[in-house]
Amino acid sequence: MDLLALMALAVMAVGLAGIVIPGVPGVLLIFVTAALYGLANRFAAFSPLWLLPMAGIAALATAVDFLAAPAVARRFGASKWGAIGAVVGLIAGFIFGGPFGAIFGPLVGAVAFELLFGRTVRAAFRSGLGTLAGYALAMAVDFSAALTLIALFVVLVLT
């Protein structure tokens, strides 16, 4: 494996960490890195046609992030305030608790905002659990997509 491929893998590792780090577009970073690697070595390691299924995987994971996670939260009764609280909780949780805080911060933020804006304790906790379930679903899909893209990249570059 050449130096360029190792550098690409290092950036992909940052993308993998981005699954739990707010603000780092994990799956998209991995895909863009694979595409830039292909361009940089004039697609000597793999055909540009391989970017099509890779783009499909990245697009699917991104769609789940934007559509499925909020849909699960809404299904559990989350309001717009619960969603806003989840984002605030995600950022604050990561800052103060690292990856562990990024996982449970949305739950705490959603519950807190739901309570602040007049929901009952029961409804707030139901909303928080829905938000946690939505984030967990999105994270699982992102993690699977990221590992699939990295594995595909490694197989294409090594063969």
N, C-alpha and C. Protein backbone atom coordinates (compact mmCIF):
# COMPACT_ATOMS: atom_id res chain seq x y z
N MET A 1 0.86 -1.18 0.00
CA MET A 1 0.00 0.00 0.00
C MET A 1 0.90 1.24 0.00
N ASP A 2 0.62 2.16 -0.87
CA ASP A 2 1.45 3.35 -1.01
C ASP A 2 1.11 4.42 0.04
N LEU A 3 1.94 5.44 0.09
CA LEU A 3 1.78 6.50 1.09
C LEU A 3 0.44 7.22 0.91
N LEU A 4 0.03 7.46 -0.32
CA LEU A 4 -1.24 8.14 -0.57
C LEU A 4 -2.41 7.32 -0.02
N ALA A 5 -2.37 6.02 -0.20
CA ALA A 5 -3.44 5.16 0.32
C ALA A 5 -3.45 5.18 1.84
N LEU A 6 -2.27 5.19 2.46
CA LEU A 6 -2.21 5.26 3.93
C LEU A 6 -2.76 6.60 4.44
N MET A 7 -2.45 7.67 3.72
CA MET A 7 -2.99 8.98 4.10
C MET A 7 -4.52 8.98 3.95
N ALA A 8 -5.01 8.36 2.89
CA ALA A 8 -6.46 8.27 2.69
C ALA A 8 -7.10 7.48 3.83
N LEU A 9 -6.47 6.39 4.23
CA LEU A 9 -7.00 5.60 5.35
C LEU A 9 -7.00 6.39 6.65
N ALA A 10 -5.99 7.23 6.85
CA ALA A 10 -5.96 8.07 8.05
C ALA A 10 -7.13 9.05 8.06
N VAL A 11 -7.42 9.65 6.91
CA VAL A 11 -8.56 10.57 6.81
C VAL A 11 -9.86 9.79 7.00
N MET A 12 -9.92 8.58 6.47
CA MET A 12 -11.11 7.75 6.64
C MET A 12 -11.32 7.39 8.11
N ALA A 13 -10.23 7.22 8.85
CA ALA A 13 -10.34 6.94 10.29
C ALA A 13 -10.97 8.13 11.00
N VAL A 14 -10.63 9.34 10.57
CA VAL A 14 -11.27 10.54 11.13
C VAL A 14 -12.76 10.51 10.79
N GLY A 15 -13.09 10.10 9.57
CA GLY A 15 -14.48 9.97 9.17
C GLY A 15 -15.22 8.95 10.02
N LEU A 16 -14.56 7.85 10.34
CA LEU A 16 -15.17 6.83 11.20
C LEU A 16 -15.43 7.39 12.59
N ALA A 17 -14.48 8.15 13.10
CA ALA A 17 -14.68 8.81 14.40
C ALA A 17 -15.81 9.83 14.30
N GLY A 18 -15.99 10.40 13.13
CA GLY A 18 -17.04 11.39 12.91
C GLY A 18 -18.45 10.85 13.08
N ILE A 19 -18.58 9.54 13.17
CA ILE A 19 -19.90 8.96 13.41
C ILE A 19 -20.43 9.44 14.76
N VAL A 20 -19.54 9.62 15.74
CA VAL A 20 -19.98 10.07 17.07
C VAL A 20 -19.53 11.49 17.41
N ILE A 21 -18.74 12.11 16.56
CA ILE A 21 -18.28 13.47 16.81
C ILE A 21 -19.16 14.44 16.04
N PRO A 22 -19.91 15.29 16.75
CA PRO A 22 -20.76 16.26 16.05
C PRO A 22 -19.94 17.19 15.16
N GLY A 23 -20.47 17.45 13.99
CA GLY A 23 -19.83 18.38 13.07
C GLY A 23 -18.87 17.73 12.09
N VAL A 24 -18.51 16.46 12.29
CA VAL A 24 -17.64 15.76 11.34
C VAL A 24 -18.54 14.87 10.49
N PRO A 25 -18.64 15.16 9.19
CA PRO A 25 -19.52 14.37 8.33
C PRO A 25 -18.88 13.02 7.98
N GLY A 26 -18.99 12.06 8.87
CA GLY A 26 -18.26 10.81 8.80
C GLY A 26 -18.33 10.08 7.47
N VAL A 27 -19.51 9.62 7.08
CA VAL A 27 -19.65 8.81 5.87
C VAL A 27 -19.28 9.62 4.63
N LEU A 28 -19.71 10.86 4.57
CA LEU A 28 -19.38 11.69 3.41
C LEU A 28 -17.88 11.94 3.31
N LEU A 29 -17.21 12.12 4.45
CA LEU A 29 -15.76 12.32 4.44
C LEU A 29 -15.06 11.08 3.90
N ILE A 30 -15.52 9.92 4.28
CA ILE A 30 -14.93 8.66 3.79
C ILE A 30 -15.13 8.53 2.28
N PHE A 31 -16.34 8.81 1.80
CA PHE A 31 -16.60 8.73 0.37
C PHE A 31 -15.75 9.73 -0.42
N VAL A 32 -15.73 10.97 0.03
CA VAL A 32 -14.95 12.00 -0.68
C VAL A 32 -13.46 11.64 -0.69
N THR A 33 -12.97 11.07 0.40
CA THR A 33 -11.57 10.65 0.46
C THR A 33 -11.29 9.57 -0.57
N ALA A 34 -12.18 8.59 -0.70
CA ALA A 34 -12.01 7.53 -1.70
C ALA A 34 -12.02 8.12 -3.11
N ALA A 35 -12.93 9.05 -3.36
CA ALA A 35 -13.01 9.68 -4.68
C ALA A 35 -11.75 10.49 -4.98
N LEU A 36 -11.28 11.25 -4.00
CA LEU A 36 -10.06 12.04 -4.21
C LEU A 36 -8.84 11.15 -4.40
N TYR A 37 -8.79 10.04 -3.67
CA TYR A 37 -7.69 9.08 -3.87
C TYR A 37 -7.72 8.57 -5.31
N GLY A 38 -8.91 8.19 -5.78
CA GLY A 38 -9.02 7.71 -7.16
C GLY A 38 -8.55 8.75 -8.17
N LEU A 39 -8.97 9.98 -7.97
CA LEU A 39 -8.55 11.06 -8.87
C LEU A 39 -7.04 11.29 -8.79
N ALA A 40 -6.50 11.28 -7.57
CA ALA A 40 -5.08 11.58 -7.38
C ALA A 40 -4.18 10.54 -8.04
N ASN A 41 -4.61 9.28 -8.05
CA ASN A 41 -3.75 8.28 -8.70
C ASN A 41 -4.32 7.85 -10.06
N ARG A 42 -5.14 8.71 -10.63
CA ARG A 42 -5.72 8.52 -11.96
C ARG A 42 -6.46 7.19 -12.10
N PHE A 43 -7.12 6.79 -11.03
CA PHE A 43 -7.91 5.57 -10.97
C PHE A 43 -7.11 4.33 -11.38
N ALA A 44 -5.84 4.31 -10.99
CA ALA A 44 -5.00 3.14 -11.24
C ALA A 44 -5.39 1.98 -10.33
N ALA A 45 -5.87 2.27 -9.13
CA ALA A 45 -6.21 1.22 -8.16
C ALA A 45 -7.61 0.66 -8.38
N PHE A 46 -8.52 1.49 -8.86
CA PHE A 46 -9.89 1.02 -9.09
C PHE A 46 -10.54 1.90 -10.14
N SER A 47 -11.54 1.34 -10.79
CA SER A 47 -12.27 2.04 -11.83
C SER A 47 -13.15 3.13 -11.22
N PRO A 48 -13.35 4.24 -11.95
CA PRO A 48 -14.24 5.27 -11.45
C PRO A 48 -15.68 4.77 -11.29
N LEU A 49 -16.03 3.68 -11.95
CA LEU A 49 -17.37 3.11 -11.80
C LEU A 49 -17.63 2.62 -10.37
N TRP A 50 -16.55 2.32 -9.62
CA TRP A 50 -16.71 1.89 -8.24
C TRP A 50 -17.24 3.03 -7.37
N LEU A 51 -17.11 4.25 -7.84
CA LEU A 51 -17.62 5.38 -7.06
C LEU A 51 -19.15 5.41 -7.04
N LEU A 52 -19.79 4.78 -8.02
CA LEU A 52 -21.26 4.76 -8.05
C LEU A 52 -21.86 3.99 -6.87
N PRO A 53 -21.46 2.74 -6.62
CA PRO A 53 -22.03 2.08 -5.43
C PRO A 53 -21.57 2.74 -4.13
N MET A 54 -20.35 3.27 -4.14
CA MET A 54 -19.88 3.96 -2.93
C MET A 54 -20.73 5.21 -2.67
N ALA A 55 -21.06 5.93 -3.74
CA ALA A 55 -21.92 7.12 -3.59
C ALA A 55 -23.31 6.72 -3.12
N GLY A 56 -23.80 5.60 -3.61
CA GLY A 56 -25.11 5.10 -3.18
C GLY A 56 -25.14 4.79 -1.70
N ILE A 57 -24.09 4.14 -1.21
CA ILE A 57 -23.99 3.82 0.22
C ILE A 57 -23.95 5.10 1.04
N ALA A 58 -23.13 6.06 0.61
CA ALA A 58 -23.01 7.33 1.33
C ALA A 58 -24.33 8.09 1.30
N ALA A 59 -25.02 8.09 0.17
CA ALA A 59 -26.30 8.80 0.05
C ALA A 59 -27.36 8.16 0.95
N LEU A 60 -27.38 6.84 0.98
CA LEU A 60 -28.35 6.15 1.83
C LEU A 60 -28.13 6.48 3.30
N ALA A 61 -26.88 6.43 3.73
CA ALA A 61 -26.57 6.75 5.13
C ALA A 61 -26.93 8.19 5.46
N THR A 62 -26.67 9.10 4.54
CA THR A 62 -27.00 10.51 4.75
C THR A 62 -28.52 10.70 4.81
N ALA A 63 -29.23 10.00 3.96
CA ALA A 63 -30.69 10.09 3.98
C ALA A 63 -31.25 9.59 5.32
N VAL A 64 -30.68 8.51 5.83
CA VAL A 64 -31.13 7.99 7.13
C VAL A 64 -30.88 9.04 8.21
N ASP A 65 -29.71 9.70 8.15
CA ASP A 65 -29.41 10.75 9.13
C ASP A 65 -30.48 11.83 9.14
N PHE A 66 -30.85 12.28 7.95
CA PHE A 66 -31.75 13.42 7.85
C PHE A 66 -33.23 13.06 7.93
N LEU A 67 -33.58 11.82 7.57
CA LEU A 67 -34.99 11.46 7.52
C LEU A 67 -35.43 10.48 8.60
N ALA A 68 -34.69 9.40 8.76
CA ALA A 68 -35.14 8.34 9.66
C ALA A 68 -35.04 8.72 11.12
N ALA A 69 -33.94 9.32 11.51
CA ALA A 69 -33.76 9.67 12.92
C ALA A 69 -34.87 10.62 13.40
N PRO A 70 -35.14 11.71 12.70
CA PRO A 70 -36.25 12.57 13.14
C PRO A 70 -37.61 11.85 13.06
N ALA A 71 -37.78 10.97 12.07
CA ALA A 71 -39.05 10.25 11.94
C ALA A 71 -39.29 9.34 13.15
N VAL A 72 -38.25 8.66 13.61
CA VAL A 72 -38.38 7.80 14.79
C VAL A 72 -38.72 8.66 16.01
N ALA A 73 -38.02 9.77 16.15
CA ALA A 73 -38.29 10.66 17.28
C ALA A 73 -39.73 11.16 17.23
N ARG A 74 -40.21 11.54 16.06
CA ARG A 74 -41.59 12.02 15.92
C ARG A 74 -42.59 10.90 16.25
N ARG A 75 -42.24 9.69 15.86
CA ARG A 75 -43.12 8.54 16.13
C ARG A 75 -43.32 8.35 17.64
N PHE A 76 -42.29 8.70 18.40
CA PHE A 76 -42.37 8.61 19.85
C PHE A 76 -42.96 9.87 20.48
N GLY A 77 -43.35 10.82 19.65
CA GLY A 77 -44.02 12.00 20.16
C GLY A 77 -43.14 13.22 20.37
N ALA A 78 -41.96 13.23 19.81
CA ALA A 78 -41.07 14.39 19.98
C ALA A 78 -41.65 15.61 19.25
N SER A 79 -41.55 16.75 19.90
CA SER A 79 -41.97 18.01 19.27
C SER A 79 -40.74 18.67 18.64
N LYS A 80 -40.96 19.82 18.00
CA LYS A 80 -39.81 20.54 17.44
C LYS A 80 -38.86 20.94 18.57
N TRP A 81 -39.39 21.22 19.77
CA TRP A 81 -38.54 21.60 20.89
C TRP A 81 -37.70 20.40 21.35
N GLY A 82 -38.28 19.22 21.28
CA GLY A 82 -37.52 18.02 21.62
C GLY A 82 -36.37 17.82 20.64
N ALA A 83 -36.64 18.07 19.36
CA ALA A 83 -35.60 17.93 18.34
C ALA A 83 -34.49 18.95 18.55
N ILE A 84 -34.88 20.19 18.86
CA ILE A 84 -33.88 21.23 19.12
C ILE A 84 -33.07 20.87 20.37
N GLY A 85 -33.76 20.41 21.40
CA GLY A 85 -33.07 19.98 22.62
C GLY A 85 -32.11 18.84 22.37
N ALA A 86 -32.49 17.94 21.46
CA ALA A 86 -31.60 16.81 21.13
C ALA A 86 -30.30 17.30 20.49
N VAL A 87 -30.41 18.29 19.61
CA VAL A 87 -29.21 18.83 18.97
C VAL A 87 -28.33 19.55 20.00
N VAL A 88 -28.97 20.36 20.85
CA VAL A 88 -28.22 21.04 21.92
C VAL A 88 -27.57 20.00 22.83
N GLY A 89 -28.31 18.96 23.18
CA GLY A 89 -27.78 17.90 24.03
C GLY A 89 -26.64 17.14 23.38
N LEU A 90 -26.74 16.94 22.07
CA LEU A 90 -25.67 16.26 21.33
C LEU A 90 -24.37 17.05 21.42
N ILE A 91 -24.45 18.34 21.16
CA ILE A 91 -23.25 19.18 21.18
C ILE A 91 -22.70 19.31 22.59
N ALA A 92 -23.57 19.62 23.54
CA ALA A 92 -23.11 19.77 24.94
C ALA A 92 -22.61 18.44 25.48
N GLY A 93 -23.30 17.36 25.14
CA GLY A 93 -22.87 16.04 25.60
C GLY A 93 -21.49 15.68 25.09
N PHE A 94 -21.22 16.01 23.83
CA PHE A 94 -19.89 15.70 23.29
C PHE A 94 -18.82 16.57 23.94
N ILE A 95 -19.12 17.85 24.13
CA ILE A 95 -18.14 18.75 24.73
C ILE A 95 -17.79 18.31 26.15
N PHE A 96 -18.81 17.95 26.92
CA PHE A 96 -18.57 17.62 28.33
C PHE A 96 -18.39 16.14 28.61
N GLY A 97 -18.79 15.28 27.67
CA GLY A 97 -18.70 13.85 27.95
C GLY A 97 -18.09 13.02 26.84
N GLY A 98 -17.53 13.67 25.81
CA GLY A 98 -16.92 12.93 24.73
C GLY A 98 -17.95 12.08 23.98
N PRO A 99 -17.51 10.97 23.38
CA PRO A 99 -18.42 10.12 22.62
C PRO A 99 -19.58 9.59 23.47
N PHE A 100 -19.33 9.26 24.73
CA PHE A 100 -20.39 8.79 25.61
C PHE A 100 -21.44 9.88 25.79
N GLY A 101 -21.00 11.10 25.96
CA GLY A 101 -21.91 12.23 26.10
C GLY A 101 -22.68 12.51 24.81
N ALA A 102 -22.04 12.25 23.67
CA ALA A 102 -22.70 12.46 22.38
C ALA A 102 -23.82 11.44 22.17
N ILE A 103 -23.71 10.31 22.81
CA ILE A 103 -24.75 9.28 22.67
C ILE A 103 -25.95 9.61 23.56
N PHE A 104 -25.69 10.01 24.82
CA PHE A 104 -26.79 10.24 25.76
C PHE A 104 -27.20 11.71 25.87
N GLY A 105 -26.40 12.62 25.34
CA GLY A 105 -26.75 14.03 25.35
C GLY A 105 -28.06 14.34 24.67
N PRO A 106 -28.33 13.73 23.49
CA PRO A 106 -29.62 14.00 22.84
C PRO A 106 -30.83 13.60 23.70
N LEU A 107 -30.70 12.51 24.43
CA LEU A 107 -31.78 12.08 25.32
C LEU A 107 -32.04 13.14 26.39
N VAL A 108 -30.97 13.58 27.04
CA VAL A 108 -31.10 14.58 28.12
C VAL A 108 -31.61 15.90 27.55
N GLY A 109 -31.06 16.32 26.43
CA GLY A 109 -31.49 17.58 25.82
C GLY A 109 -32.95 17.56 25.38
N ALA A 110 -33.38 16.46 24.78
CA ALA A 110 -34.77 16.36 24.34
C ALA A 110 -35.72 16.40 25.53
N VAL A 111 -35.40 15.65 26.56
CA VAL A 111 -36.26 15.63 27.75
C VAL A 111 -36.30 17.02 28.38
N ALA A 112 -35.14 17.65 28.53
CA ALA A 112 -35.08 18.97 29.17
C ALA A 112 -35.90 20.00 28.39
N PHE A 113 -35.76 20.03 27.07
CA PHE A 113 -36.49 21.02 26.28
C PHE A 113 -37.98 20.73 26.26
N GLU A 114 -38.34 19.46 26.20
CA GLU A 114 -39.76 19.11 26.25
C GLU A 114 -40.38 19.59 27.57
N LEU A 115 -39.66 19.38 28.68
CA LEU A 115 -40.16 19.82 29.98
C LEU A 115 -40.23 21.34 30.05
N LEU A 116 -39.21 22.01 29.51
CA LEU A 116 -39.19 23.48 29.53
C LEU A 116 -40.36 24.09 28.77
N PHE A 117 -40.81 23.38 27.73
CA PHE A 117 -41.87 23.94 26.90
C PHE A 117 -43.22 23.27 27.16
N GLY A 118 -43.40 22.79 28.40
CA GLY A 118 -44.73 22.43 28.85
C GLY A 118 -45.20 21.01 28.69
N ARG A 119 -44.37 20.11 28.23
CA ARG A 119 -44.81 18.71 28.11
C ARG A 119 -44.81 18.06 29.49
N THR A 120 -45.62 17.04 29.65
CA THR A 120 -45.63 16.29 30.90
C THR A 120 -44.34 15.49 31.02
N VAL A 121 -44.03 15.05 32.22
CA VAL A 121 -42.82 14.27 32.44
C VAL A 121 -42.87 13.00 31.60
N ARG A 122 -44.00 12.35 31.58
CA ARG A 122 -44.16 11.11 30.80
C ARG A 122 -43.93 11.36 29.30
N ALA A 123 -44.56 12.41 28.78
CA ALA A 123 -44.40 12.74 27.35
C ALA A 123 -42.97 13.14 27.04
N ALA A 124 -42.34 13.87 27.96
CA ALA A 124 -40.96 14.30 27.74
C ALA A 124 -40.02 13.10 27.69
N PHE A 125 -40.20 12.16 28.60
CA PHE A 125 -39.33 10.98 28.59
C PHE A 125 -39.59 10.10 27.38
N ARG A 126 -40.83 9.99 26.97
CA ARG A 126 -41.16 9.23 25.76
C ARG A 126 -40.48 9.88 24.55
N SER A 127 -40.56 11.19 24.48
CA SER A 127 -39.91 11.93 23.40
C SER A 127 -38.40 11.72 23.44
N GLY A 128 -37.83 11.79 24.63
CA GLY A 128 -36.38 11.59 24.78
C GLY A 128 -35.95 10.21 24.35
N LEU A 129 -36.73 9.20 24.71
CA LEU A 129 -36.40 7.83 24.30
C LEU A 129 -36.52 7.66 22.78
N GLY A 130 -37.51 8.30 22.20
CA GLY A 130 -37.64 8.27 20.74
C GLY A 130 -36.47 8.95 20.05
N THR A 131 -36.04 10.05 20.63
CA THR A 131 -34.89 10.76 20.08
C THR A 131 -33.63 9.89 20.18
N LEU A 132 -33.45 9.25 21.34
CA LEU A 132 -32.31 8.35 21.51
C LEU A 132 -32.37 7.20 20.51
N ALA A 133 -33.57 6.63 20.32
CA ALA A 133 -33.72 5.53 19.35
C ALA A 133 -33.41 6.01 17.94
N GLY A 134 -33.86 7.21 17.58
CA GLY A 134 -33.57 7.75 16.25
C GLY A 134 -32.08 7.98 16.03
N TYR A 135 -31.42 8.54 17.03
CA TYR A 135 -29.97 8.75 16.91
C TYR A 135 -29.23 7.42 16.87
N ALA A 136 -29.68 6.45 17.65
CA ALA A 136 -29.03 5.13 17.64
C ALA A 136 -29.18 4.47 16.28
N LEU A 137 -30.36 4.58 15.68
CA LEU A 137 -30.57 4.03 14.34
C LEU A 137 -29.64 4.69 13.33
N ALA A 138 -29.60 6.02 13.36
CA ALA A 138 -28.74 6.75 12.43
C ALA A 138 -27.27 6.40 12.63
N MET A 139 -26.85 6.29 13.89
CA MET A 139 -25.46 5.96 14.18
C MET A 139 -25.11 4.55 13.70
N ALA A 140 -26.03 3.61 13.89
CA ALA A 140 -25.79 2.23 13.45
C ALA A 140 -25.67 2.16 11.93
N VAL A 141 -26.55 2.87 11.23
CA VAL A 141 -26.49 2.89 9.77
C VAL A 141 -25.20 3.57 9.31
N ASP A 142 -24.85 4.70 9.92
CA ASP A 142 -23.61 5.40 9.56
C ASP A 142 -22.39 4.53 9.80
N PHE A 143 -22.34 3.86 10.94
CA PHE A 143 -21.20 3.01 11.27
C PHE A 143 -21.08 1.86 10.27
N SER A 144 -22.20 1.23 9.93
CA SER A 144 -22.18 0.14 8.96
C SER A 144 -21.74 0.64 7.59
N ALA A 145 -22.27 1.78 7.18
CA ALA A 145 -21.90 2.34 5.88
C ALA A 145 -20.42 2.72 5.85
N ALA A 146 -19.94 3.33 6.93
CA ALA A 146 -18.54 3.74 7.00
C ALA A 146 -17.62 2.53 6.91
N LEU A 147 -17.92 1.49 7.66
CA LEU A 147 -17.08 0.27 7.61
C LEU A 147 -17.14 -0.38 6.24
N THR A 148 -18.31 -0.37 5.62
CA THR A 148 -18.44 -0.94 4.28
C THR A 148 -17.60 -0.17 3.27
N LEU A 149 -17.66 1.16 3.33
CA LEU A 149 -16.87 1.98 2.40
C LEU A 149 -15.37 1.79 2.62
N ILE A 150 -14.95 1.75 3.87
CA ILE A 150 -13.52 1.57 4.17
C ILE A 150 -13.07 0.19 3.71
N ALA A 151 -13.85 -0.84 3.98
CA ALA A 151 -13.48 -2.20 3.57
C ALA A 151 -13.41 -2.30 2.05
N LEU A 152 -14.37 -1.71 1.37
CA LEU A 152 -14.37 -1.70 -0.09
C LEU A 152 -13.12 -0.99 -0.62
N PHE A 153 -12.80 0.13 -0.05
CA PHE A 153 -11.61 0.88 -0.44
C PHE A 153 -10.35 0.02 -0.27
N VAL A 154 -10.22 -0.61 0.88
CA VAL A 154 -9.03 -1.42 1.17
C VAL A 154 -8.94 -2.58 0.17
N VAL A 155 -10.04 -3.26 -0.08
CA VAL A 155 -10.02 -4.37 -1.04
C VAL A 155 -9.66 -3.88 -2.43
N LEU A 156 -10.22 -2.77 -2.84
CA LEU A 156 -9.91 -2.25 -4.18
C LEU A 156 -8.46 -1.81 -4.31
N VAL A 157 -7.91 -1.21 -3.28
CA VAL A 157 -6.54 -0.71 -3.34
C VAL A 157 -5.53 -1.86 -3.23
N LEU A 158 -5.84 -2.86 -2.44
CA LEU A 158 -4.89 -3.97 -2.24
C LEU A 158 -4.92 -5.00 -3.35
N THR A 159 -5.98 -5.05 -4.17
CA THR A 159 -6.04 -6.08 -5.21
C THR A 159 -5.68 -5.54 -6.56
